[in-house]
Amino acid sequence: MQTIQWTLSVLIVIFLVLSLYFSVRYRREAEPKQRGLYSARMNICMGLMLVVIAISQLFFFEDSATRRIFGTVCLLLGLFNLFAGIRNHNLFSRK
């Protein structure tokens, strides 16, 4: 159990760093196609990070209503970001 929580924590940090990296690259890029790809990658990483946060909140801590609500909101936002990022990445990859 401890190993799974530790792995989830490492994944959260990795996805956070990747989100920040793609955010910086997005803001510095001048070409619209590359900006779109970096933005999509940032959304994918942010979505994965939110899904991992939701999993850790919903399954690995003591149960409370606040934790369930927070975990559910993170899961929904994460899935939306993941879906939008994949859709946008496919769109900008074809151009």
PDB file of N, CA and C in Angstrom:
ATOM      1  N   MET A   1       0.826  -1.193   0.000  1.00  0.00           N
ATOM      2  CA  MET A   1       0.000   0.000   0.000  1.00  0.00           C
ATOM      3  C   MET A   1       0.871   1.257   0.000  1.00  0.00           C
ATOM      4  N   GLN A   2       1.905   1.242   0.815  1.00  0.00           N
ATOM      5  CA  GLN A   2       2.808   2.392   0.901  1.00  0.00           C
ATOM      6  C   GLN A   2       3.527   2.621  -0.429  1.00  0.00           C
ATOM      7  N   THR A   3       3.880   1.526  -1.105  1.00  0.00           N
ATOM      8  CA  THR A   3       4.578   1.636  -2.384  1.00  0.00           C
ATOM      9  C   THR A   3       3.685   2.279  -3.445  1.00  0.00           C
ATOM     10  N   ILE A   4       2.410   1.919  -3.439  1.00  0.00           N
ATOM     11  CA  ILE A   4       1.480   2.496  -4.409  1.00  0.00           C
ATOM     12  C   ILE A   4       1.309   3.993  -4.165  1.00  0.00           C
ATOM     13  N   GLN A   5       1.163   4.404  -2.920  1.00  0.00           N
ATOM     14  CA  GLN A   5       1.041   5.834  -2.602  1.00  0.00           C
ATOM     15  C   GLN A   5       2.302   6.587  -3.006  1.00  0.00           C
ATOM     16  N   TRP A   6       3.445   6.020  -2.789  1.00  0.00           N
ATOM     17  CA  TRP A   6       4.717   6.640  -3.145  1.00  0.00           C
ATOM     18  C   TRP A   6       4.808   6.763  -4.656  1.00  0.00           C
ATOM     19  N   THR A   7       4.408   5.731  -5.386  1.00  0.00           N
ATOM     20  CA  THR A   7       4.426   5.774  -6.845  1.00  0.00           C
ATOM     21  C   THR A   7       3.470   6.842  -7.374  1.00  0.00           C
ATOM     22  N   LEU A   8       2.289   6.936  -6.799  1.00  0.00           N
ATOM     23  CA  LEU A   8       1.335   7.961  -7.216  1.00  0.00           C
ATOM     24  C   LEU A   8       1.876   9.359  -6.950  1.00  0.00           C
ATOM     25  N   SER A   9       2.559   9.544  -5.834  1.00  0.00           N
ATOM     26  CA  SER A   9       3.156  10.843  -5.525  1.00  0.00           C
ATOM     27  C   SER A   9       4.225  11.214  -6.536  1.00  0.00           C
ATOM     28  N   VAL A  10       5.037  10.246  -6.917  1.00  0.00           N
ATOM     29  CA  VAL A  10       6.078  10.500  -7.923  1.00  0.00           C
ATOM     30  C   VAL A  10       5.437  10.836  -9.271  1.00  0.00           C
ATOM     31  N   LEU A  11       4.379  10.114  -9.643  1.00  0.00           N
ATOM     32  CA  LEU A  11       3.677  10.402 -10.892  1.00  0.00           C
ATOM     33  C   LEU A  11       3.075  11.806 -10.901  1.00  0.00           C
ATOM     34  N   ILE A  12       2.526  12.225  -9.769  1.00  0.00           N
ATOM     35  CA  ILE A  12       1.966  13.578  -9.677  1.00  0.00           C
ATOM     36  C   ILE A  12       3.049  14.616  -9.926  1.00  0.00           C
ATOM     37  N   VAL A  13       4.204  14.431  -9.326  1.00  0.00           N
ATOM     38  CA  VAL A  13       5.308  15.388  -9.508  1.00  0.00           C
ATOM     39  C   VAL A  13       5.790  15.381 -10.958  1.00  0.00           C
ATOM     40  N   ILE A  14       5.914  14.192 -11.555  1.00  0.00           N
ATOM     41  CA  ILE A  14       6.368  14.100 -12.949  1.00  0.00           C
ATOM     42  C   ILE A  14       5.396  14.826 -13.878  1.00  0.00           C
ATOM     43  N   PHE A  15       4.100  14.571 -13.718  1.00  0.00           N
ATOM     44  CA  PHE A  15       3.114  15.230 -14.573  1.00  0.00           C
ATOM     45  C   PHE A  15       3.062  16.738 -14.320  1.00  0.00           C
ATOM     46  N   LEU A  16       3.292  17.162 -13.089  1.00  0.00           N
ATOM     47  CA  LEU A  16       3.351  18.590 -12.790  1.00  0.00           C
ATOM     48  C   LEU A  16       4.513  19.245 -13.509  1.00  0.00           C
ATOM     49  N   VAL A  17       5.681  18.625 -13.448  1.00  0.00           N
ATOM     50  CA  VAL A  17       6.870  19.172 -14.121  1.00  0.00           C
ATOM     51  C   VAL A  17       6.658  19.215 -15.632  1.00  0.00           C
ATOM     52  N   LEU A  18       6.085  18.156 -16.202  1.00  0.00           N
ATOM     53  CA  LEU A  18       5.816  18.147 -17.644  1.00  0.00           C
ATOM     54  C   LEU A  18       4.790  19.212 -18.026  1.00  0.00           C
ATOM     55  N   SER A  19       3.779  19.419 -17.205  1.00  0.00           N
ATOM     56  CA  SER A  19       2.795  20.471 -17.478  1.00  0.00           C
ATOM     57  C   SER A  19       3.449  21.845 -17.489  1.00  0.00           C
ATOM     58  N   LEU A  20       4.297  22.089 -16.510  1.00  0.00           N
ATOM     59  CA  LEU A  20       5.010  23.374 -16.459  1.00  0.00           C
ATOM     60  C   LEU A  20       5.943  23.542 -17.650  1.00  0.00           C
ATOM     61  N   TYR A  21       6.639  22.463 -18.031  1.00  0.00           N
ATOM     62  CA  TYR A  21       7.548  22.512 -19.170  1.00  0.00           C
ATOM     63  C   TYR A  21       6.796  22.870 -20.449  1.00  0.00           C
ATOM     64  N   PHE A  22       5.688  22.168 -20.722  1.00  0.00           N
ATOM     65  CA  PHE A  22       4.925  22.443 -21.938  1.00  0.00           C
ATOM     66  C   PHE A  22       4.245  23.806 -21.877  1.00  0.00           C
ATOM     67  N   SER A  23       3.915  24.280 -20.694  1.00  0.00           N
ATOM     68  CA  SER A  23       3.337  25.615 -20.549  1.00  0.00           C
ATOM     69  C   SER A  23       4.351  26.688 -20.935  1.00  0.00           C
ATOM     70  N   VAL A  24       5.578  26.526 -20.472  1.00  0.00           N
ATOM     71  CA  VAL A  24       6.636  27.490 -20.820  1.00  0.00           C
ATOM     72  C   VAL A  24       6.922  27.436 -22.319  1.00  0.00           C
ATOM     73  N   ARG A  25       7.012  26.230 -22.869  1.00  0.00           N
ATOM     74  CA  ARG A  25       7.270  26.086 -24.303  1.00  0.00           C
ATOM     75  C   ARG A  25       6.135  26.705 -25.127  1.00  0.00           C
ATOM     76  N   TYR A  26       4.907  26.520 -24.678  1.00  0.00           N
ATOM     77  CA  TYR A  26       3.742  27.089 -25.357  1.00  0.00           C
ATOM     78  C   TYR A  26       3.825  28.608 -25.386  1.00  0.00           C
ATOM     79  N   ARG A  27       4.177  29.222 -24.279  1.00  0.00           N
ATOM     80  CA  ARG A  27       4.214  30.681 -24.197  1.00  0.00           C
ATOM     81  C   ARG A  27       5.356  31.283 -24.995  1.00  0.00           C
ATOM     82  N   ARG A  28       6.436  30.544 -25.201  1.00  0.00           N
ATOM     83  CA  ARG A  28       7.596  31.073 -25.924  1.00  0.00           C
ATOM     84  C   ARG A  28       7.563  30.787 -27.420  1.00  0.00           C
ATOM     85  N   GLU A  29       6.690  29.906 -27.858  1.00  0.00           N
ATOM     86  CA  GLU A  29       6.637  29.511 -29.260  1.00  0.00           C
ATOM     87  C   GLU A  29       5.859  30.533 -30.074  1.00  0.00           C
ATOM     88  N   ALA A  30       6.374  30.851 -31.271  1.00  0.00           N
ATOM     89  CA  ALA A  30       5.715  31.824 -32.142  1.00  0.00           C
ATOM     90  C   ALA A  30       4.841  31.150 -33.196  1.00  0.00           C
ATOM     91  N   GLU A  31       5.220  29.947 -33.629  1.00  0.00           N
ATOM     92  CA  GLU A  31       4.481  29.252 -34.678  1.00  0.00           C
ATOM     93  C   GLU A  31       3.181  28.666 -34.117  1.00  0.00           C
ATOM     94  N   PRO A  32       2.050  28.964 -34.769  1.00  0.00           N
ATOM     95  CA  PRO A  32       0.741  28.522 -34.236  1.00  0.00           C
ATOM     96  C   PRO A  32       0.598  27.003 -34.110  1.00  0.00           C
ATOM     97  N   LYS A  33       1.115  26.237 -35.076  1.00  0.00           N
ATOM     98  CA  LYS A  33       0.981  24.778 -35.015  1.00  0.00           C
ATOM     99  C   LYS A  33       1.720  24.214 -33.797  1.00  0.00           C
ATOM    100  N   GLN A  34       2.930  24.674 -33.573  1.00  0.00           N
ATOM    101  CA  GLN A  34       3.714  24.217 -32.422  1.00  0.00           C
ATOM    102  C   GLN A  34       3.072  24.666 -31.112  1.00  0.00           C
ATOM    103  N   ARG A  35       2.533  25.890 -31.108  1.00  0.00           N
ATOM    104  CA  ARG A  35       1.834  26.364 -29.903  1.00  0.00           C
ATOM    105  C   ARG A  35       0.665  25.452 -29.567  1.00  0.00           C
ATOM    106  N   GLY A  36      -0.084  25.052 -30.589  1.00  0.00           N
ATOM    107  CA  GLY A  36      -1.206  24.161 -30.377  1.00  0.00           C
ATOM    108  C   GLY A  36      -0.773  22.796 -29.852  1.00  0.00           C
ATOM    109  N   LEU A  37       0.322  22.267 -30.390  1.00  0.00           N
ATOM    110  CA  LEU A  37       0.828  20.978 -29.919  1.00  0.00           C
ATOM    111  C   LEU A  37       1.296  21.062 -28.472  1.00  0.00           C
ATOM    112  N   TYR A  38       2.005  22.128 -28.126  1.00  0.00           N
ATOM    113  CA  TYR A  38       2.462  22.281 -26.741  1.00  0.00           C
ATOM    114  C   TYR A  38       1.290  22.461 -25.782  1.00  0.00           C
ATOM    115  N   SER A  39       0.286  23.206 -26.230  1.00  0.00           N
ATOM    116  CA  SER A  39      -0.905  23.390 -25.396  1.00  0.00           C
ATOM    117  C   SER A  39      -1.634  22.061 -25.190  1.00  0.00           C
ATOM    118  N   ALA A  40      -1.732  21.264 -26.239  1.00  0.00           N
ATOM    119  CA  ALA A  40      -2.392  19.969 -26.133  1.00  0.00           C
ATOM    120  C   ALA A  40      -1.615  19.042 -25.202  1.00  0.00           C
ATOM    121  N   ARG A  41      -0.301  19.030 -25.318  1.00  0.00           N
ATOM    122  CA  ARG A  41       0.522  18.194 -24.445  1.00  0.00           C
ATOM    123  C   ARG A  41       0.412  18.640 -22.998  1.00  0.00           C
ATOM    124  N   MET A  42       0.332  19.949 -22.790  1.00  0.00           N
ATOM    125  CA  MET A  42       0.153  20.471 -21.436  1.00  0.00           C
ATOM    126  C   MET A  42      -1.191  19.988 -20.861  1.00  0.00           C
ATOM    127  N   ASN A  43      -2.250  20.026 -21.671  1.00  0.00           N
ATOM    128  CA  ASN A  43      -3.560  19.558 -21.216  1.00  0.00           C
ATOM    129  C   ASN A  43      -3.547  18.071 -20.910  1.00  0.00           C
ATOM    130  N   ILE A  44      -2.856  17.285 -21.728  1.00  0.00           N
ATOM    131  CA  ILE A  44      -2.769  15.845 -21.478  1.00  0.00           C
ATOM    132  C   ILE A  44      -2.065  15.588 -20.155  1.00  0.00           C
ATOM    133  N   CYS A  45      -0.933  16.245 -19.928  1.00  0.00           N
ATOM    134  CA  CYS A  45      -0.192  16.040 -18.674  1.00  0.00           C
ATOM    135  C   CYS A  45      -0.995  16.515 -17.471  1.00  0.00           C
ATOM    136  N   MET A  46      -1.674  17.657 -17.623  1.00  0.00           N
ATOM    137  CA  MET A  46      -2.486  18.171 -16.524  1.00  0.00           C
ATOM    138  C   MET A  46      -3.659  17.239 -16.236  1.00  0.00           C
ATOM    139  N   GLY A  47      -4.253  16.697 -17.279  1.00  0.00           N
ATOM    140  CA  GLY A  47      -5.348  15.757 -17.099  1.00  0.00           C
ATOM    141  C   GLY A  47      -4.901  14.488 -16.390  1.00  0.00           C
ATOM    142  N   LEU A  48      -3.750  13.964 -16.792  1.00  0.00           N
ATOM    143  CA  LEU A  48      -3.221  12.769 -16.126  1.00  0.00           C
ATOM    144  C   LEU A  48      -2.886  13.052 -14.663  1.00  0.00           C
ATOM    145  N   MET A  49      -2.334  14.244 -14.408  1.00  0.00           N
ATOM    146  CA  MET A  49      -2.008  14.615 -13.033  1.00  0.00           C
ATOM    147  C   MET A  49      -3.279  14.676 -12.179  1.00  0.00           C
ATOM    148  N   LEU A  50      -4.328  15.272 -12.706  1.00  0.00           N
ATOM    149  CA  LEU A  50      -5.575  15.374 -11.951  1.00  0.00           C
ATOM    150  C   LEU A  50      -6.220  14.010 -11.729  1.00  0.00           C
ATOM    151  N   VAL A  51      -6.110  13.119 -12.711  1.00  0.00           N
ATOM    152  CA  VAL A  51      -6.656  11.772 -12.542  1.00  0.00           C
ATOM    153  C   VAL A  51      -5.888  11.026 -11.456  1.00  0.00           C
ATOM    154  N   VAL A  52      -4.568  11.156 -11.438  1.00  0.00           N
ATOM    155  CA  VAL A  52      -3.762  10.492 -10.403  1.00  0.00           C
ATOM    156  C   VAL A  52      -4.073  11.073  -9.021  1.00  0.00           C
ATOM    157  N   ILE A  53      -4.253  12.387  -8.945  1.00  0.00           N
ATOM    158  CA  ILE A  53      -4.640  13.009  -7.671  1.00  0.00           C
ATOM    159  C   ILE A  53      -5.989  12.459  -7.215  1.00  0.00           C
ATOM    160  N   ALA A  54      -6.933  12.344  -8.146  1.00  0.00           N
ATOM    161  CA  ALA A  54      -8.259  11.814  -7.802  1.00  0.00           C
ATOM    162  C   ALA A  54      -8.164  10.375  -7.309  1.00  0.00           C
ATOM    163  N   ILE A  55      -7.356   9.565  -7.966  1.00  0.00           N
ATOM    164  CA  ILE A  55      -7.194   8.171  -7.530  1.00  0.00           C
ATOM    165  C   ILE A  55      -6.623   8.124  -6.121  1.00  0.00           C
ATOM    166  N   SER A  56      -5.618   8.946  -5.868  1.00  0.00           N
ATOM    167  CA  SER A  56      -5.027   8.927  -4.523  1.00  0.00           C
ATOM    168  C   SER A  56      -6.006   9.431  -3.469  1.00  0.00           C
ATOM    169  N   GLN A  57      -6.831  10.403  -3.802  1.00  0.00           N
ATOM    170  CA  GLN A  57      -7.793  10.929  -2.838  1.00  0.00           C
ATOM    171  C   GLN A  57      -8.945   9.963  -2.583  1.00  0.00           C
ATOM    172  N   LEU A  58      -9.383   9.290  -3.627  1.00  0.00           N
ATOM    173  CA  LEU A  58     -10.556   8.429  -3.494  1.00  0.00           C
ATOM    174  C   LEU A  58     -10.251   7.068  -2.881  1.00  0.00           C
ATOM    175  N   PHE A  59      -9.023   6.574  -3.041  1.00  0.00           N
ATOM    176  CA  PHE A  59      -8.757   5.199  -2.639  1.00  0.00           C
ATOM    177  C   PHE A  59      -7.738   5.013  -1.525  1.00  0.00           C
ATOM    178  N   PHE A  60      -6.903   6.002  -1.255  1.00  0.00           N
ATOM    179  CA  PHE A  60      -5.787   5.737  -0.356  1.00  0.00           C
ATOM    180  C   PHE A  60      -5.751   6.579   0.911  1.00  0.00           C
ATOM    181  N   PHE A  61      -6.791   7.302   1.199  1.00  0.00           N
ATOM    182  CA  PHE A  61      -6.849   8.066   2.433  1.00  0.00           C
ATOM    183  C   PHE A  61      -8.154   7.748   3.150  1.00  0.00           C
ATOM    184  N   GLU A  62      -8.253   8.180   4.402  1.00  0.00           N
ATOM    185  CA  GLU A  62      -9.488   7.908   5.141  1.00  0.00           C
ATOM    186  C   GLU A  62     -10.664   8.588   4.455  1.00  0.00           C
ATOM    187  N   ASP A  63     -11.798   7.939   4.534  1.00  0.00           N
ATOM    188  CA  ASP A  63     -12.973   8.355   3.799  1.00  0.00           C
ATOM    189  C   ASP A  63     -13.671   9.519   4.488  1.00  0.00           C
ATOM    190  N   SER A  64     -13.991  10.557   3.716  1.00  0.00           N
ATOM    191  CA  SER A  64     -14.818  11.660   4.197  1.00  0.00           C
ATOM    192  C   SER A  64     -15.565  12.244   2.999  1.00  0.00           C
ATOM    193  N   ALA A  65     -16.621  12.964   3.269  1.00  0.00           N
ATOM    194  CA  ALA A  65     -17.428  13.542   2.192  1.00  0.00           C
ATOM    195  C   ALA A  65     -16.630  14.576   1.406  1.00  0.00           C
ATOM    196  N   THR A  66     -15.849  15.378   2.107  1.00  0.00           N
ATOM    197  CA  THR A  66     -15.044  16.403   1.445  1.00  0.00           C
ATOM    198  C   THR A  66     -14.022  15.776   0.513  1.00  0.00           C
ATOM    199  N   ARG A  67     -13.385  14.712   0.970  1.00  0.00           N
ATOM    200  CA  ARG A  67     -12.377  14.029   0.155  1.00  0.00           C
ATOM    201  C   ARG A  67     -13.021  13.391  -1.076  1.00  0.00           C
ATOM    202  N   ARG A  68     -14.207  12.830  -0.922  1.00  0.00           N
ATOM    203  CA  ARG A  68     -14.912  12.252  -2.066  1.00  0.00           C
ATOM    204  C   ARG A  68     -15.297  13.314  -3.091  1.00  0.00           C
ATOM    205  N   ILE A  69     -15.810  14.437  -2.612  1.00  0.00           N
ATOM    206  CA  ILE A  69     -16.186  15.519  -3.523  1.00  0.00           C
ATOM    207  C   ILE A  69     -14.961  16.046  -4.252  1.00  0.00           C
ATOM    208  N   PHE A  70     -13.877  16.299  -3.521  1.00  0.00           N
ATOM    209  CA  PHE A  70     -12.648  16.794  -4.132  1.00  0.00           C
ATOM    210  C   PHE A  70     -12.110  15.787  -5.150  1.00  0.00           C
ATOM    211  N   GLY A  71     -12.097  14.516  -4.795  1.00  0.00           N
ATOM    212  CA  GLY A  71     -11.613  13.486  -5.706  1.00  0.00           C
ATOM    213  C   GLY A  71     -12.463  13.377  -6.963  1.00  0.00           C
ATOM    214  N   THR A  72     -13.766  13.486  -6.801  1.00  0.00           N
ATOM    215  CA  THR A  72     -14.663  13.413  -7.952  1.00  0.00           C
ATOM    216  C   THR A  72     -14.477  14.603  -8.875  1.00  0.00           C
ATOM    217  N   VAL A  73     -14.339  15.797  -8.305  1.00  0.00           N
ATOM    218  CA  VAL A  73     -14.117  16.995  -9.116  1.00  0.00           C
ATOM    219  C   VAL A  73     -12.782  16.884  -9.865  1.00  0.00           C
ATOM    220  N   CYS A  74     -11.738  16.439  -9.188  1.00  0.00           N
ATOM    221  CA  CYS A  74     -10.430  16.257  -9.837  1.00  0.00           C
ATOM    222  C   CYS A  74     -10.520  15.230 -10.961  1.00  0.00           C
ATOM    223  N   LEU A  75     -11.256  14.151 -10.731  1.00  0.00           N
ATOM    224  CA  LEU A  75     -11.405  13.119 -11.750  1.00  0.00           C
ATOM    225  C   LEU A  75     -12.124  13.663 -12.984  1.00  0.00           C
ATOM    226  N   LEU A  76     -13.201  14.386 -12.770  1.00  0.00           N
ATOM    227  CA  LEU A  76     -13.948  14.936 -13.906  1.00  0.00           C
ATOM    228  C   LEU A  76     -13.126  15.966 -14.675  1.00  0.00           C
ATOM    229  N   LEU A  77     -12.464  16.871 -13.960  1.00  0.00           N
ATOM    230  CA  LEU A  77     -11.610  17.862 -14.622  1.00  0.00           C
ATOM    231  C   LEU A  77     -10.450  17.190 -15.355  1.00  0.00           C
ATOM    232  N   GLY A  78      -9.874  16.182 -14.729  1.00  0.00           N
ATOM    233  CA  GLY A  78      -8.761  15.474 -15.350  1.00  0.00           C
ATOM    234  C   GLY A  78      -9.175  14.760 -16.621  1.00  0.00           C
ATOM    235  N   LEU A  79     -10.313  14.081 -16.582  1.00  0.00           N
ATOM    236  CA  LEU A  79     -10.787  13.390 -17.780  1.00  0.00           C
ATOM    237  C   LEU A  79     -11.132  14.372 -18.891  1.00  0.00           C
ATOM    238  N   PHE A  80     -11.711  15.521 -18.532  1.00  0.00           N
ATOM    239  CA  PHE A  80     -12.009  16.537 -19.533  1.00  0.00           C
ATOM    240  C   PHE A  80     -10.716  17.067 -20.158  1.00  0.00           C
ATOM    241  N   ASN A  81      -9.719  17.398 -19.325  1.00  0.00           N
ATOM    242  CA  ASN A  81      -8.444  17.890 -19.859  1.00  0.00           C
ATOM    243  C   ASN A  81      -7.770  16.846 -20.729  1.00  0.00           C
ATOM    244  N   LEU A  82      -7.798  15.605 -20.298  1.00  0.00           N
ATOM    245  CA  LEU A  82      -7.191  14.519 -21.065  1.00  0.00           C
ATOM    246  C   LEU A  82      -7.882  14.373 -22.421  1.00  0.00           C
ATOM    247  N   PHE A  83      -9.206  14.363 -22.433  1.00  0.00           N
ATOM    248  CA  PHE A  83      -9.955  14.247 -23.684  1.00  0.00           C
ATOM    249  C   PHE A  83      -9.668  15.437 -24.607  1.00  0.00           C
ATOM    250  N   ALA A  84      -9.722  16.656 -24.062  1.00  0.00           N
ATOM    251  CA  ALA A  84      -9.478  17.848 -24.879  1.00  0.00           C
ATOM    252  C   ALA A  84      -8.047  17.874 -25.404  1.00  0.00           C
ATOM    253  N   GLY A  85      -7.083  17.471 -24.583  1.00  0.00           N
ATOM    254  CA  GLY A  85      -5.693  17.451 -25.015  1.00  0.00           C
ATOM    255  C   GLY A  85      -5.458  16.452 -26.126  1.00  0.00           C
ATOM    256  N   ILE A  86      -6.020  15.261 -26.014  1.00  0.00           N
ATOM    257  CA  ILE A  86      -5.857  14.251 -27.066  1.00  0.00           C
ATOM    258  C   ILE A  86      -6.524  14.710 -28.358  1.00  0.00           C
ATOM    259  N   ARG A  87      -7.721  15.270 -28.234  1.00  0.00           N
ATOM    260  CA  ARG A  87      -8.423  15.771 -29.416  1.00  0.00           C
ATOM    261  C   ARG A  87      -7.631  16.886 -30.106  1.00  0.00           C
ATOM    262  N   ASN A  88      -7.116  17.839 -29.325  1.00  0.00           N
ATOM    263  CA  ASN A  88      -6.353  18.936 -29.901  1.00  0.00           C
ATOM    264  C   ASN A  88      -5.015  18.466 -30.462  1.00  0.00           C
ATOM    265  N   HIS A  89      -4.391  17.503 -29.806  1.00  0.00           N
ATOM    266  CA  HIS A  89      -3.121  16.982 -30.309  1.00  0.00           C
ATOM    267  C   HIS A  89      -3.332  16.317 -31.669  1.00  0.00           C
ATOM    268  N   ASN A  90      -4.408  15.543 -31.811  1.00  0.00           N
ATOM    269  CA  ASN A  90      -4.712  14.940 -33.112  1.00  0.00           C
ATOM    270  C   ASN A  90      -4.996  16.000 -34.156  1.00  0.00           C
ATOM    271  N   LEU A  91      -5.708  17.059 -33.772  1.00  0.00           N
ATOM    272  CA  LEU A  91      -6.037  18.131 -34.697  1.00  0.00           C
ATOM    273  C   LEU A  91      -4.775  18.845 -35.173  1.00  0.00           C
ATOM    274  N   PHE A  92      -3.881  19.227 -34.261  1.00  0.00           N
ATOM    275  CA  PHE A  92      -2.687  19.981 -34.648  1.00  0.00           C
ATOM    276  C   PHE A  92      -1.604  19.094 -35.270  1.00  0.00           C
ATOM    277  N   SER A  93      -1.654  17.812 -35.046  1.00  0.00           N
ATOM    278  CA  SER A  93      -0.677  16.913 -35.668  1.00  0.00           C
ATOM    279  C   SER A  93      -0.950  16.728 -37.162  1.00  0.00           C
ATOM    280  N   ARG A  94      -2.183  16.855 -37.547  1.00  0.00           N
ATOM    281  CA  ARG A  94      -2.558  16.648 -38.957  1.00  0.00           C
ATOM    282  C   ARG A  94      -2.235  17.832 -39.845  1.00  0.00           C
ATOM    283  N   LYS A  95      -2.155  19.016 -39.317  1.00  0.00           N
ATOM    284  CA  LYS A  95      -1.964  20.226 -40.129  1.00  0.00           C
ATOM    285  C   LYS A  95      -0.626  20.228 -40.817  1.00  0.00           C
TER     286      LYS A  95
END
